Structure formats: C-alpha cells, structure tokens
Amino acid sequence: MENTRAAVMERVRRVPSALRVFTTPASEAQRRFAFDDALLADLIEQGLPHVATGPELMFDQFDLDNISTGLGLASPQRTITKRWTKSLEAQLGHDRGHFELRLSWRCPLPGHAGACEFLLEPAITGSRKDTPTGSTMTILAEPLAEDHDFGPDLDPVVAEARSLFFYSIPDSLATDLDFARHARLADCRLASRYLATVAAEAGLTTRVASGFFVGVPFPAPHAWLEIAVGDRWVPVDPFFLNTLHRWDFLSVDAERLRRSPRNVLWRLGTSAGLGSPLVRHRRPDDEDAVSAPFGLAAQWHPHPLR
C-alpha cells in the first residue's frame, strides 16, 4: 500500500539525511500539517528524524509536508488543493477559455524610508486588463489549449511518470536527476527535467516550461514538459495529472495521461526553475530589487478572449 505509515516512512528514508533542516516544532506540525500527538509519537517510534532543542522537538519541514500529503491528512494545504481541483474537469473538457487573474502584492519591508517601487514580471504585463494600481492588477490570460494525443510514442514517459511520487524537496535536489531516477521521488521541477531526458531517449524533441497550473481560485507555480509537434510546442503533464489521481482529486486513465492537458497551464517561461518572482520590490536607494509577497486568484471563463 502506497499510503500506509510504513510506506510514507520508507519514502522519508530515501532522502539524504544531510539535507534535513530541523526548524519546525511539534506545534507547527499540528497547525500546518494536521498531525496529532498520537500520530507524531508513532512516527517518531518508526524513526521520524528529529532533534531536541531544550524541551521542544524540532522536525524537518519537508518530512512533515510529505508525510501529511502521503497520509492524506486534513491540512490547510490539502483543503485548498481539493477545492481548486474541483474546477479541473470542466476546464480540461472545454475547447478553449481564459482566466481572469487578480494579482495583489505588498511591501516586503514595511516601514522603510521613501516610496515603494514595484516591478512586474515582463511575461505578464502584456496581458493585463487594467493599469496596475499601487498593489493590484487584473490579468486576462489564455491557457495552453491544444488537444493532442501523443499516442504510444509517449508510453515510456507515461510509465516513468506513473512510477514517480510527488515529493516536496529542497532546492538542492531540484536538478538531481540521479535522485529522481533512484529514489523515485520528485517535485514538478525535478520531474519535468527527468521526464525530458526520458522523452529524449524515446526520440522526442522536448523542453521544459514553467508558469502556473491554474485551478480556481488559487493557481500554483508549476513546471511541465513540452514536446515538439511540427513547428509547435505542445504541453504534456502525465506526472502531475497522475499525482492528482493518486491523491484522489482527479480521475485519469492512460489515455488522458498521453494527451495534452487543456486549459490548466499558463506558460510564463521555458525553464524548470520557477525562480522569477511575478512582483519585485525596490526601495528608493537600492539598485537591486527583491521578491515581493504576492497573491494570485483565478476565475475561469469558458470562452476565448477572441
């Protein structure tokens, strides 16, 4: 069984111990990841890594996140994910549509001298509906909508995608193809890079794209695989669609995993880094801008912009 306590702890042990950072107390494990005292005690007995800081036990955030996800605990993040996946069946079934996205941001350094200067990611400024105010703007965006069946050519990629487990990982593992290959764990950044190599070995021309997986109302930063079809780049995302199926959020079969997902991917770039913030902030006397906290909310409209 994939989601027993023993199974999730076995996956925890696949992650190198040296990468753990013990900064999350038990109280946060309860609040953010929906652990209770009995579960935490049982997992510690099964070998959950931790350190004692005075009377407090400290845990690695990634361990807690992945265990919570693997066990299907009722964490705030799972509740949000379950909510936005409800919109996906309708989006995947439409020919074309568009999103109305409300972007908001705030100063990361409140109280500094002088006025804030906010810089927007160039990829989004050409699709805005209104002129940005001091802290908000509306974006109209058409997602990737081509319906393409890659057929059996994609079977090696689909097989590898289905054998990977979605796993929150530190940045240091996001480019480690050997970790994905041997541990069979990956987030969307690592999975897209790894599956690109599998697709290339199968004779397909590939690239990695990044942007947002747009469910309503909260889009999620995402990276995925694209394959050249003639002069077009067509997205395919068997890893994440199968992940949603594994989490019981979406019904998929092998045929759907071989098809391009329609109306859920908003491409902003062609890399797996997810490193370019949508909004950056600069103080009057600073040369360099820093990432600004932002929120993004989506509304789906089942008709194209034009």
Protein backbone atom coordinates (compact mmCIF):
# COMPACT_ATOMS: atom_id res chain seq x y z
CA MET A 1 0.00 0.00 0.00
CA GLU A 2 1.33 3.43 -1.02
CA ASN A 3 -0.21 5.47 1.78
CA THR A 4 0.36 3.46 4.95
CA ARG A 5 2.51 4.90 7.71
CA ALA A 6 5.19 2.34 6.95
CA ALA A 7 5.17 3.29 3.25
CA VAL A 8 5.47 7.02 3.84
CA MET A 9 8.26 6.48 6.36
CA GLU A 10 10.11 4.30 3.84
CA ARG A 11 9.98 7.23 1.39
CA VAL A 12 11.27 9.59 4.09
CA ARG A 13 14.33 7.36 4.44
CA ARG A 14 15.15 7.76 0.72
CA VAL A 15 16.07 11.43 1.29
CA PRO A 16 19.71 12.06 2.29
CA SER A 17 19.94 12.89 6.00
CA ALA A 18 22.40 15.73 5.37
CA LEU A 19 19.70 17.75 3.61
CA ARG A 20 17.40 18.00 6.61
CA VAL A 21 16.98 21.28 8.48
CA PHE A 22 15.28 20.88 11.86
CA THR A 23 13.40 24.14 12.31
CA THR A 24 9.74 23.09 12.64
CA PRO A 25 8.34 22.49 16.15
CA ALA A 26 5.63 20.00 17.01
CA SER A 27 3.08 22.80 17.40
CA GLU A 28 3.59 23.78 13.76
CA ALA A 29 3.32 20.14 12.70
CA GLN A 30 -0.16 20.20 14.20
CA ARG A 31 -1.21 23.59 12.83
CA ARG A 32 0.20 23.39 9.29
CA PHE A 33 0.27 19.68 8.58
CA ALA A 34 -2.60 18.27 10.69
CA PHE A 35 -0.54 15.91 12.86
CA ASP A 36 -1.94 14.92 16.25
CA ASP A 37 0.13 13.89 19.25
CA ALA A 38 -0.54 10.17 18.81
CA LEU A 39 0.47 10.15 15.15
CA LEU A 40 3.61 12.15 15.81
CA ALA A 41 4.61 9.82 18.65
CA ASP A 42 4.06 6.76 16.45
CA LEU A 43 6.12 8.21 13.59
CA ILE A 44 8.95 9.10 15.98
CA GLU A 45 8.92 5.48 17.15
CA GLN A 46 9.16 4.43 13.48
CA GLY A 47 12.22 6.62 13.01
CA LEU A 48 10.97 10.09 12.01
CA PRO A 49 14.11 12.27 12.11
CA HIS A 50 14.07 14.99 14.78
CA VAL A 51 16.30 16.85 17.21
CA ALA A 52 15.65 18.09 20.73
CA THR A 53 16.08 21.80 21.40
CA GLY A 54 15.55 22.11 25.12
CA PRO A 55 12.11 20.65 25.86
CA GLU A 56 10.99 21.12 22.23
CA LEU A 57 11.30 18.54 19.47
CA MET A 58 12.16 20.00 16.07
CA PHE A 59 11.43 18.41 12.71
CA ASP A 60 12.27 18.93 9.05
CA GLN A 61 9.53 20.83 7.22
CA PHE A 62 9.81 18.70 4.07
CA ASP A 63 9.44 15.47 6.06
CA LEU A 64 6.27 16.75 7.71
CA ASP A 65 4.83 18.08 4.46
CA ASN A 66 5.42 14.83 2.60
CA ILE A 67 4.11 12.62 5.39
CA SER A 68 0.98 14.75 5.69
CA THR A 69 0.43 14.54 1.93
CA GLY A 70 1.14 10.82 1.80
CA LEU A 71 -1.30 10.03 4.61
CA GLY A 72 -3.95 12.39 3.23
CA LEU A 73 -4.16 14.41 6.45
CA ALA A 74 -6.66 17.27 6.53
CA SER A 75 -4.07 20.04 6.38
CA PRO A 76 -4.94 23.57 5.18
CA GLN A 77 -2.90 22.93 2.01
CA ARG A 78 -4.82 19.74 1.20
CA THR A 79 -8.11 21.57 1.72
CA ILE A 80 -7.05 24.28 -0.74
CA THR A 81 -5.80 21.74 -3.29
CA LYS A 82 -9.02 19.75 -3.07
CA ARG A 83 -11.01 22.92 -3.61
CA TRP A 84 -9.19 24.05 -6.75
CA THR A 85 -9.12 20.60 -8.35
CA LYS A 86 -12.92 20.70 -8.46
CA SER A 87 -12.65 23.11 -11.39
CA LEU A 88 -10.26 20.98 -13.43
CA GLU A 89 -12.70 18.55 -15.04
CA ALA A 90 -14.67 21.45 -16.55
CA GLN A 91 -11.52 23.20 -17.74
CA LEU A 92 -10.00 20.05 -19.25
CA GLY A 93 -13.23 19.38 -21.13
CA HIS A 94 -13.57 22.75 -22.88
CA ASP A 95 -12.12 23.59 -26.28
CA ARG A 96 -10.84 26.99 -25.21
CA GLY A 97 -11.34 29.51 -22.45
CA HIS A 98 -9.49 32.15 -20.49
CA PHE A 99 -8.68 33.15 -16.95
CA GLU A 100 -9.26 36.41 -15.18
CA LEU A 101 -6.44 36.59 -12.66
CA ARG A 102 -6.30 39.07 -9.81
CA LEU A 103 -2.71 39.75 -8.76
CA SER A 104 -2.05 41.58 -5.50
CA TRP A 105 1.20 42.37 -3.74
CA ARG A 106 2.64 44.15 -0.72
CA CYS A 107 5.87 45.64 0.52
CA PRO A 108 8.29 43.04 1.92
CA LEU A 109 9.99 45.70 4.07
CA PRO A 110 7.21 47.80 5.62
CA GLY A 111 8.33 51.00 7.29
CA HIS A 112 11.33 51.73 5.05
CA ALA A 113 12.09 55.30 4.02
CA GLY A 114 10.73 56.57 0.71
CA ALA A 115 8.17 55.21 -1.69
CA CYS A 116 7.97 51.60 -2.86
CA GLU A 117 8.78 50.73 -6.46
CA PHE A 118 7.22 47.51 -7.73
CA LEU A 119 8.47 45.77 -10.87
CA LEU A 120 6.24 43.26 -12.64
CA GLU A 121 7.39 40.13 -14.45
CA PRO A 122 7.52 41.16 -18.15
CA ALA A 123 5.73 37.98 -19.27
CA ILE A 124 2.51 39.07 -17.56
CA THR A 125 2.41 42.78 -18.35
CA GLY A 126 1.28 42.32 -21.95
CA SER A 127 -1.90 40.50 -20.92
CA ARG A 128 -3.20 42.82 -18.25
CA LYS A 129 -6.78 44.04 -18.28
CA ASP A 130 -6.25 47.23 -16.32
CA THR A 131 -3.44 49.55 -15.30
CA PRO A 132 -1.71 48.35 -12.12
CA THR A 133 -2.59 50.31 -9.02
CA GLY A 134 -0.31 50.54 -6.02
CA SER A 135 -0.99 46.94 -5.04
CA THR A 136 -3.26 45.15 -7.55
CA MET A 137 -3.82 44.40 -11.21
CA THR A 138 -6.10 42.17 -13.27
CA ILE A 139 -4.67 39.87 -15.92
CA LEU A 140 -6.56 38.15 -18.72
CA ALA A 141 -4.67 35.04 -19.76
CA GLU A 142 -5.38 32.27 -22.23
CA PRO A 143 -4.02 28.93 -21.07
CA LEU A 144 -2.45 26.36 -23.37
CA ALA A 145 -5.43 24.71 -25.03
CA GLU A 146 -4.28 22.41 -27.82
CA ASP A 147 -5.84 18.95 -27.70
CA HIS A 148 -3.20 16.50 -28.87
CA ASP A 149 -2.94 12.75 -28.37
CA PHE A 150 0.70 11.68 -28.37
CA GLY A 151 -0.31 8.03 -28.58
CA PRO A 152 2.10 5.18 -27.86
CA ASP A 153 5.11 7.40 -28.61
CA LEU A 154 4.64 8.81 -25.12
CA ASP A 155 4.28 5.45 -23.35
CA PRO A 156 7.88 5.39 -22.00
CA VAL A 157 7.33 8.85 -20.48
CA VAL A 158 3.94 7.91 -19.03
CA ALA A 159 5.38 4.75 -17.49
CA GLU A 160 8.16 6.69 -15.79
CA ALA A 161 5.77 9.44 -14.67
CA ARG A 162 3.46 6.91 -13.04
CA SER A 163 6.37 5.36 -11.14
CA LEU A 164 7.39 8.69 -9.57
CA PHE A 165 5.92 10.02 -6.34
CA PHE A 166 5.30 13.73 -5.98
CA TYR A 167 7.56 14.88 -3.15
CA SER A 168 8.38 18.31 -1.78
CA ILE A 169 12.15 18.63 -1.96
CA PRO A 170 14.75 21.30 -1.12
CA ASP A 171 16.18 23.39 -3.94
CA SER A 172 19.43 21.42 -3.79
CA LEU A 173 17.62 18.35 -5.18
CA ALA A 174 15.63 20.13 -7.88
CA THR A 175 18.22 19.36 -10.58
CA ASP A 176 19.42 15.99 -9.27
CA LEU A 177 18.35 13.54 -11.98
CA ASP A 178 20.03 10.63 -10.19
CA PHE A 179 17.85 11.27 -7.14
CA ALA A 180 14.70 11.09 -9.27
CA ARG A 181 15.97 8.01 -11.09
CA HIS A 182 16.88 6.03 -7.97
CA ALA A 183 14.66 7.43 -5.18
CA ARG A 184 11.62 7.74 -7.49
CA LEU A 185 10.69 10.98 -5.72
CA ALA A 186 10.37 14.40 -7.38
CA ASP A 187 8.56 17.71 -7.33
CA CYS A 188 7.35 19.25 -10.60
CA ARG A 189 10.72 20.90 -11.24
CA LEU A 190 12.73 17.71 -10.96
CA ALA A 191 10.10 15.52 -12.61
CA SER A 192 9.90 17.75 -15.69
CA ARG A 193 13.68 17.71 -16.06
CA TYR A 194 13.89 13.96 -15.57
CA LEU A 195 10.99 13.16 -17.91
CA ALA A 196 12.56 15.39 -20.56
CA THR A 197 15.54 13.02 -20.60
CA VAL A 198 13.23 10.01 -20.84
CA ALA A 199 11.35 11.61 -23.74
CA ALA A 200 14.61 12.48 -25.50
CA GLU A 201 15.77 8.86 -25.17
CA ALA A 202 12.48 7.84 -26.81
CA GLY A 203 13.31 10.07 -29.79
CA LEU A 204 11.11 13.05 -28.90
CA THR A 205 12.24 16.69 -29.06
CA THR A 206 11.50 18.26 -25.69
CA ARG A 207 11.82 21.29 -23.49
CA VAL A 208 10.71 22.23 -20.00
CA ALA A 209 8.22 25.06 -19.44
CA SER A 210 7.16 26.85 -16.29
CA GLY A 211 4.38 29.11 -15.11
CA PHE A 212 1.21 28.18 -13.23
CA PHE A 213 -1.12 25.22 -13.00
CA VAL A 214 -4.35 27.17 -12.80
CA GLY A 215 -7.13 25.77 -10.72
CA VAL A 216 -9.88 28.00 -9.37
CA PRO A 217 -9.44 30.01 -7.26
CA PHE A 218 -5.73 29.56 -6.45
CA PRO A 219 -3.13 28.90 -9.17
CA ALA A 220 0.02 27.02 -8.17
CA PRO A 221 3.55 27.62 -9.51
CA HIS A 222 4.37 24.72 -11.78
CA ALA A 223 6.79 23.23 -14.32
CA TRP A 224 5.95 20.71 -17.03
CA LEU A 225 7.21 19.00 -20.17
CA GLU A 226 6.59 20.21 -23.74
CA ILE A 227 7.16 18.19 -26.91
CA ALA A 228 7.76 19.49 -30.42
CA VAL A 229 4.94 18.61 -32.83
CA GLY A 230 5.81 20.09 -36.20
CA ASP A 231 6.55 23.75 -35.52
CA ARG A 232 4.57 23.83 -32.25
CA TRP A 233 5.46 23.10 -28.63
CA VAL A 234 2.66 21.04 -27.09
CA PRO A 235 2.45 20.52 -23.30
CA VAL A 236 2.13 17.14 -21.66
CA ASP A 237 1.98 16.56 -17.91
CA PRO A 238 1.44 12.90 -17.02
CA PHE A 239 3.39 13.30 -13.77
CA PHE A 240 1.15 15.89 -12.14
CA LEU A 241 -2.12 14.56 -13.57
CA ASN A 242 -1.23 11.14 -12.18
CA THR A 243 -0.29 12.78 -8.88
CA LEU A 244 -3.77 14.32 -8.64
CA HIS A 245 -5.22 10.90 -9.43
CA ARG A 246 -3.06 9.31 -6.72
CA TRP A 247 -4.38 11.91 -4.26
CA ASP A 248 -8.00 11.04 -5.28
CA PHE A 249 -8.57 14.53 -6.65
CA LEU A 250 -8.91 13.71 -10.36
CA SER A 251 -9.89 10.65 -12.37
CA VAL A 252 -7.37 9.83 -15.09
CA ASP A 253 -6.51 6.83 -17.23
CA ALA A 254 -3.60 6.00 -19.51
CA GLU A 255 -5.27 7.71 -22.46
CA ARG A 256 -5.63 11.01 -20.61
CA LEU A 257 -2.02 10.86 -19.48
CA ARG A 258 -0.95 10.65 -23.14
CA ARG A 259 -2.96 13.74 -24.08
CA SER A 260 -2.03 17.38 -23.70
CA PRO A 261 -3.93 18.91 -20.77
CA ARG A 262 -6.17 21.75 -21.93
CA ASN A 263 -6.93 24.99 -20.13
CA VAL A 264 -4.91 24.41 -16.96
CA LEU A 265 -1.35 25.53 -17.84
CA TRP A 266 -0.34 29.21 -18.06
CA ARG A 267 3.15 29.34 -19.54
CA LEU A 268 5.45 32.18 -18.47
CA GLY A 269 8.85 30.76 -19.38
CA THR A 270 10.84 27.83 -20.68
CA SER A 271 12.77 26.55 -17.70
CA ALA A 272 12.02 24.48 -14.62
CA GLY A 273 13.45 26.96 -12.16
CA LEU A 274 10.25 28.67 -11.02
CA GLY A 275 12.68 31.26 -9.78
CA SER A 276 11.43 34.50 -11.35
CA PRO A 277 9.06 36.28 -8.97
CA LEU A 278 5.95 37.84 -10.50
CA VAL A 279 6.48 41.00 -8.48
CA ARG A 280 9.72 42.53 -7.24
CA HIS A 281 10.20 45.45 -4.86
CA ARG A 282 12.87 48.12 -4.77
CA ARG A 283 13.48 50.87 -2.22
CA PRO A 284 14.47 54.34 -3.47
CA ASP A 285 18.18 53.99 -2.68
CA ASP A 286 18.57 50.33 -3.72
CA GLU A 287 19.93 49.15 -7.05
CA ASP A 288 18.66 45.59 -6.66
CA ALA A 289 15.04 44.55 -6.35
CA VAL A 290 13.87 41.73 -4.09
CA SER A 291 10.89 39.42 -4.37
CA ALA A 292 7.65 40.88 -3.03
CA PRO A 293 4.93 38.79 -1.36
CA PHE A 294 2.01 38.34 -3.74
CA GLY A 295 -1.33 36.63 -4.05
CA LEU A 296 -2.99 35.32 -7.19
CA ALA A 297 -6.66 34.41 -7.53
CA ALA A 298 -8.26 32.98 -10.67
CA GLN A 299 -11.69 32.96 -12.25
CA TRP A 300 -12.39 30.68 -15.24
CA HIS A 301 -14.39 31.84 -18.27
CA PRO A 302 -15.33 29.07 -20.76
CA HIS A 303 -14.84 31.18 -23.88
CA PRO A 304 -11.71 32.52 -25.62
CA LEU A 305 -10.62 36.14 -25.46
CA ARG A 306 -11.05 36.49 -29.22
